[in-house]
Amino acid sequence: MKTNVMKKGMLLLMGAGLLFTSCSQDDNETSEESVSAEITAERTQQSTEAEIATDELFNVMDIAYAEQEEEAGRNASYFPSCVTITVSMQNGVKFVTLDFGLGCQLNNGAIVSGIIYLTYNPSQAGTVTIEYDLENFAHNNKFIAGGGSLFRERNNANGNPQHTVNHDLEVTFPNGLVIDIDGTRVSEWIEGVGSGTWEDNAFLVTGNRDIQFSTGFSHYAIVIDPLRREATCPHFVSGTVEITRNNGTGLLDFGDGTCDNLATLTVNGETYTIILN
């Protein structure tokens, strides 16, 4: 999918003046500020992994709703037996709990844990607002904290299901790094609708987000070409994202549709390979 040769030693910082080293915490903090106008491959990798985790979260919510209300999983559910799904109704309001326990492998290979709470009223004119809350939820060892609402349309302009969410989520990595993702995400369900099985599901994701690292590093990202996500793959398989940090810009490319953990980042005419965990 990506044919660019990885730079020797996995270069983590790019462009003129990007490479910096440090021997102390103070030096690290100073260096972080000194590259404020540039984009690093390391930070792009980390923010992308955080976004993939949050994307999985919203897909889980969307598919859970579709399976409960539209019989989307009548032949093969997206959720394996390690997920405990509890449904209750009170005064016309439905409460759905997805409990992944201490660790549950989804059918696409991702490991999730914790609980997702969904609450919604009956749909009106094909639309519904789903309130969500998280309890100790983690995706591939990255904890996601936050809550909010997801607006779902049964049929968008293309006749496909679509959901829109304005979110502010906090993703914590195993090493203690915290990334805050604040933005708008639109996901169109383009394949597998009504098939009764999760295996042929595919989505196109657009939107923008501000990304803030606990180290003080931040950048802005906007989808240029819609990101394609297939239910059988734990990563985006195609699409591009423009990343902006002060006066520096870069283009993140997820490839030609092949399911792998590779992406490329192009900055100032130089292309670097990013390996996603």
Protein backbone atom coordinates (compact mmCIF):
# COMPACT_ATOMS: atom_id res chain seq x y z
CA MET A 1 0.00 0.00 0.00
CA LYS A 2 2.69 2.46 0.98
CA THR A 3 5.88 2.02 -1.01
CA ASN A 4 7.92 4.83 0.51
CA VAL A 5 11.06 3.59 2.14
CA MET A 6 11.22 4.23 5.86
CA LYS A 7 14.07 6.54 6.77
CA LYS A 8 16.93 4.80 8.58
CA GLY A 9 16.43 4.78 12.32
CA MET A 10 12.72 5.78 12.05
CA LEU A 11 13.16 9.57 11.83
CA LEU A 12 10.67 11.07 14.23
CA LEU A 13 11.14 14.72 13.41
CA MET A 14 11.03 16.22 9.94
CA GLY A 15 11.86 19.35 7.97
CA ALA A 16 14.57 21.89 8.52
CA GLY A 17 15.19 22.46 12.20
CA LEU A 18 12.93 19.55 13.22
CA LEU A 19 15.54 17.19 14.63
CA PHE A 20 16.21 17.83 18.25
CA THR A 21 17.61 15.88 21.16
CA SER A 22 17.61 16.43 24.85
CA CYS A 23 19.19 15.04 27.96
CA SER A 24 16.87 16.43 30.60
CA GLN A 25 13.21 17.10 31.22
CA ASP A 26 13.81 20.86 31.04
CA ASP A 27 15.59 20.48 27.69
CA ASN A 28 12.68 18.38 26.39
CA GLU A 29 10.19 21.06 27.33
CA THR A 30 12.32 23.76 25.66
CA SER A 31 12.73 21.65 22.53
CA GLU A 32 8.98 21.02 22.39
CA GLU A 33 8.41 24.77 22.19
CA SER A 34 11.20 25.31 19.67
CA VAL A 35 9.50 23.17 17.02
CA SER A 36 6.16 24.93 17.36
CA ALA A 37 5.97 25.60 13.62
CA GLU A 38 6.73 22.05 12.52
CA ILE A 39 5.01 18.69 12.39
CA THR A 40 6.54 15.54 13.80
CA ALA A 41 5.98 11.99 12.63
CA GLU A 42 5.95 10.82 16.23
CA ARG A 43 3.14 13.17 17.24
CA THR A 44 1.22 12.37 14.05
CA GLN A 45 1.47 8.66 14.83
CA GLN A 46 0.21 9.18 18.37
CA SER A 47 -2.67 11.46 17.40
CA THR A 48 -3.69 9.07 14.60
CA GLU A 49 -3.76 6.13 16.99
CA ALA A 50 -5.93 8.19 19.34
CA GLU A 51 -8.30 9.09 16.51
CA ILE A 52 -8.55 5.46 15.38
CA ALA A 53 -9.52 4.52 18.93
CA THR A 54 -12.26 7.18 19.09
CA ASP A 55 -13.45 6.23 15.61
CA GLU A 56 -13.89 2.65 16.79
CA LEU A 57 -15.84 3.92 19.78
CA PHE A 58 -18.36 5.78 17.61
CA ASN A 59 -18.66 2.88 15.17
CA VAL A 60 -19.45 0.57 18.09
CA MET A 61 -22.23 2.93 19.17
CA ASP A 62 -23.64 3.23 15.64
CA ILE A 63 -23.64 -0.52 15.01
CA ALA A 64 -25.09 -1.25 18.46
CA TYR A 65 -28.01 1.07 17.69
CA ALA A 66 -28.52 -0.46 14.24
CA GLU A 67 -28.52 -3.99 15.64
CA GLN A 68 -31.04 -3.06 18.34
CA GLU A 69 -33.38 -0.97 16.23
CA GLU A 70 -32.87 -2.05 12.63
CA GLU A 71 -31.93 -5.74 12.94
CA ALA A 72 -28.60 -4.99 11.31
CA GLY A 73 -26.94 -8.01 12.93
CA ARG A 74 -29.71 -10.54 12.45
CA ASN A 75 -27.40 -13.00 10.63
CA ALA A 76 -24.03 -12.19 12.22
CA SER A 77 -23.65 -9.69 15.05
CA TYR A 78 -20.68 -7.34 15.24
CA PHE A 79 -20.42 -8.14 18.92
CA PRO A 80 -18.80 -11.39 20.12
CA SER A 81 -20.08 -13.38 23.10
CA CYS A 82 -17.66 -11.62 25.48
CA VAL A 83 -19.81 -8.47 25.27
CA THR A 84 -22.71 -8.32 27.70
CA ILE A 85 -25.54 -6.26 26.18
CA THR A 86 -28.31 -5.14 28.51
CA VAL A 87 -31.43 -3.37 27.22
CA SER A 88 -34.17 -1.77 29.28
CA MET A 89 -37.02 0.67 28.68
CA GLN A 90 -38.50 3.33 30.96
CA ASN A 91 -41.19 5.83 29.97
CA GLY A 92 -40.43 5.27 26.31
CA VAL A 93 -36.69 5.86 26.74
CA LYS A 94 -34.35 3.00 25.85
CA PHE A 95 -31.21 2.28 27.84
CA VAL A 96 -28.51 0.08 26.28
CA THR A 97 -25.40 -1.02 28.16
CA LEU A 98 -22.44 -2.53 26.35
CA ASP A 99 -20.16 -4.17 28.91
CA PHE A 100 -16.83 -5.42 27.54
CA GLY A 101 -15.54 -6.51 30.92
CA LEU A 102 -11.81 -6.49 31.58
CA GLY A 103 -11.01 -7.27 27.95
CA CYS A 104 -12.96 -8.42 24.93
CA GLN A 105 -11.72 -8.95 21.38
CA LEU A 106 -14.06 -7.53 18.77
CA ASN A 107 -14.56 -9.38 15.52
CA ASN A 108 -12.15 -6.98 13.77
CA GLY A 109 -9.36 -7.89 16.20
CA ALA A 110 -9.47 -4.81 18.44
CA ILE A 111 -9.30 -5.37 22.20
CA VAL A 112 -11.77 -3.27 24.18
CA SER A 113 -12.74 -3.11 27.83
CA GLY A 114 -15.03 -1.13 30.10
CA ILE A 115 -18.61 -0.02 29.57
CA ILE A 116 -20.53 2.15 27.10
CA TYR A 117 -23.94 3.50 28.15
CA LEU A 118 -26.41 4.55 25.44
CA THR A 119 -29.70 6.33 25.99
CA TYR A 120 -32.21 7.38 23.33
CA ASN A 121 -35.86 8.04 22.56
CA PRO A 122 -37.71 6.52 19.61
CA SER A 123 -36.55 7.93 16.29
CA GLN A 124 -38.58 10.69 14.68
CA ALA A 125 -38.66 11.17 10.91
CA GLY A 126 -35.73 8.77 10.64
CA THR A 127 -33.48 10.67 13.05
CA VAL A 128 -32.44 10.03 16.63
CA THR A 129 -30.11 11.58 19.18
CA ILE A 130 -28.14 9.02 21.16
CA GLU A 131 -26.66 10.11 24.47
CA TYR A 132 -23.52 8.23 25.46
CA ASP A 133 -21.35 7.91 28.53
CA LEU A 134 -18.19 5.88 29.16
CA GLU A 135 -16.94 3.97 32.18
CA ASN A 136 -13.31 2.82 32.16
CA PHE A 137 -13.54 2.31 28.39
CA ALA A 138 -10.34 1.38 26.58
CA HIS A 139 -9.49 0.50 23.00
CA ASN A 140 -6.22 -1.39 22.48
CA ASN A 141 -4.95 -0.21 25.88
CA LYS A 142 -5.85 3.44 25.25
CA PHE A 143 -8.39 4.74 27.76
CA ILE A 144 -11.06 7.09 26.40
CA ALA A 145 -12.95 9.42 28.73
CA GLY A 146 -15.89 11.64 27.95
CA GLY A 147 -19.53 11.66 27.02
CA GLY A 148 -21.97 13.49 24.83
CA SER A 149 -24.47 12.88 22.08
CA LEU A 150 -24.50 11.40 18.61
CA PHE A 151 -27.04 12.51 16.00
CA ARG A 152 -28.02 9.67 13.68
CA GLU A 153 -29.93 9.85 10.38
CA ARG A 154 -31.43 6.70 8.90
CA ASN A 155 -31.12 8.13 5.39
CA ASN A 156 -28.81 10.97 4.41
CA ALA A 157 -28.79 12.69 1.00
CA ASN A 158 -27.29 9.51 -0.49
CA GLY A 159 -29.88 7.28 1.16
CA ASN A 160 -27.33 5.90 3.64
CA PRO A 161 -27.25 5.90 7.44
CA GLN A 162 -25.07 8.68 8.80
CA HIS A 163 -24.13 9.98 12.22
CA THR A 164 -22.66 13.30 13.28
CA VAL A 165 -20.96 13.95 16.59
CA ASN A 166 -19.35 17.03 18.11
CA HIS A 167 -16.96 15.54 20.61
CA ASP A 168 -14.36 16.40 23.19
CA LEU A 169 -12.67 13.18 24.26
CA GLU A 170 -9.57 12.48 26.30
CA VAL A 171 -7.36 9.56 25.26
CA THR A 172 -4.75 8.27 27.70
CA PHE A 173 -1.90 6.09 26.44
CA PRO A 174 -0.24 3.34 28.53
CA ASN A 175 2.85 5.54 28.96
CA GLY A 176 0.78 8.33 30.53
CA LEU A 177 0.54 10.59 27.48
CA VAL A 178 -2.86 12.28 27.29
CA ILE A 179 -4.36 13.57 24.04
CA ASP A 180 -7.50 15.69 23.94
CA ILE A 181 -9.45 15.53 20.67
CA ASP A 182 -12.05 18.26 20.18
CA GLY A 183 -13.90 18.36 16.88
CA THR A 184 -16.69 17.30 14.57
CA ARG A 185 -16.95 13.85 13.02
CA VAL A 186 -19.37 12.70 10.30
CA SER A 187 -19.55 9.01 9.40
CA GLU A 188 -21.55 7.70 6.44
CA TRP A 189 -22.33 3.97 6.36
CA ILE A 190 -21.76 3.27 2.67
CA GLU A 191 -21.66 -0.54 2.39
CA GLY A 192 -23.32 -3.46 4.11
CA VAL A 193 -26.48 -1.61 5.11
CA GLY A 194 -29.32 -4.09 5.59
CA SER A 195 -27.19 -7.15 4.81
CA GLY A 196 -27.70 -8.57 8.29
CA THR A 197 -24.00 -9.12 8.91
CA TRP A 198 -21.17 -6.89 10.13
CA GLU A 199 -18.50 -8.32 7.80
CA ASP A 200 -19.32 -6.19 4.74
CA ASN A 201 -19.78 -2.90 6.61
CA ALA A 202 -17.77 0.08 5.36
CA PHE A 203 -17.84 3.75 6.38
CA LEU A 204 -16.56 7.09 5.09
CA VAL A 205 -15.44 9.53 7.77
CA THR A 206 -15.01 13.30 7.40
CA GLY A 207 -14.58 16.18 9.81
CA ASN A 208 -12.01 18.27 11.63
CA ARG A 209 -10.44 18.35 15.04
CA ASP A 210 -8.11 20.26 17.34
CA ILE A 211 -5.62 17.93 19.01
CA GLN A 212 -3.88 18.89 22.24
CA PHE A 213 -1.12 16.82 23.86
CA SER A 214 -0.43 16.84 27.59
CA THR A 215 3.15 17.85 26.67
CA GLY A 216 1.85 21.17 25.31
CA PHE A 217 2.17 20.15 21.66
CA SER A 218 -0.94 20.74 19.53
CA HIS A 219 -2.10 20.72 15.93
CA TYR A 220 -5.21 21.00 13.77
CA ALA A 221 -6.38 18.27 11.42
CA ILE A 222 -9.03 18.26 8.70
CA VAL A 223 -10.06 15.42 6.42
CA ILE A 224 -9.36 16.24 2.76
CA ASP A 225 -10.38 12.94 1.15
CA PRO A 226 -12.88 10.89 3.20
CA LEU A 227 -11.31 8.24 5.38
CA ARG A 228 -12.54 4.76 4.56
CA ARG A 229 -13.03 2.41 7.48
CA GLU A 230 -14.01 -1.23 6.98
CA ALA A 231 -15.47 -3.25 9.84
CA THR A 232 -13.00 -6.09 9.25
CA CYS A 233 -9.96 -3.80 9.52
CA PRO A 234 -8.74 -2.02 12.69
CA HIS A 235 -7.29 0.91 10.71
CA PHE A 236 -8.38 3.37 8.05
CA VAL A 237 -7.60 1.89 4.63
CA SER A 238 -7.63 5.07 2.51
CA GLY A 239 -8.20 8.82 2.65
CA THR A 240 -6.08 11.87 3.47
CA VAL A 241 -5.85 14.33 6.35
CA GLU A 242 -4.20 17.76 6.27
CA ILE A 243 -2.33 18.57 9.48
CA THR A 244 -1.49 22.14 10.43
CA ARG A 245 0.79 23.35 13.21
CA ASN A 246 1.32 27.11 13.18
CA ASN A 247 2.92 27.78 9.78
CA GLY A 248 3.72 24.14 8.98
CA THR A 249 1.45 21.76 7.07
CA GLY A 250 1.63 18.09 6.22
CA LEU A 251 -0.51 15.52 4.43
CA LEU A 252 -1.28 12.19 6.08
CA ASP A 253 -2.24 9.48 3.57
CA PHE A 254 -3.77 6.12 4.56
CA GLY A 255 -3.18 4.49 1.19
CA ASP A 256 -5.01 2.71 -1.59
CA GLY A 257 -7.54 0.58 0.28
CA THR A 258 -5.29 -2.18 1.60
CA CYS A 259 -5.86 -3.14 5.23
CA ASP A 260 -2.56 -2.56 7.02
CA ASN A 261 -1.10 -0.48 9.83
CA LEU A 262 0.83 1.90 7.57
CA ALA A 263 0.33 5.54 6.63
CA THR A 264 2.58 8.15 5.03
CA LEU A 265 3.20 11.72 6.10
CA THR A 266 4.47 14.23 3.55
CA VAL A 267 6.03 17.49 4.74
CA ASN A 268 7.98 19.91 2.53
CA GLY A 269 8.24 17.33 -0.24
CA GLU A 270 9.66 14.65 2.08
CA THR A 271 7.58 11.52 2.68
CA TYR A 272 7.88 9.42 5.83
CA THR A 273 6.31 6.09 6.74
CA ILE A 274 4.28 5.88 9.92
CA ILE A 275 3.68 2.50 11.58
CA LEU A 276 0.52 2.44 13.68
CA ASN A 277 0.24 0.20 16.74
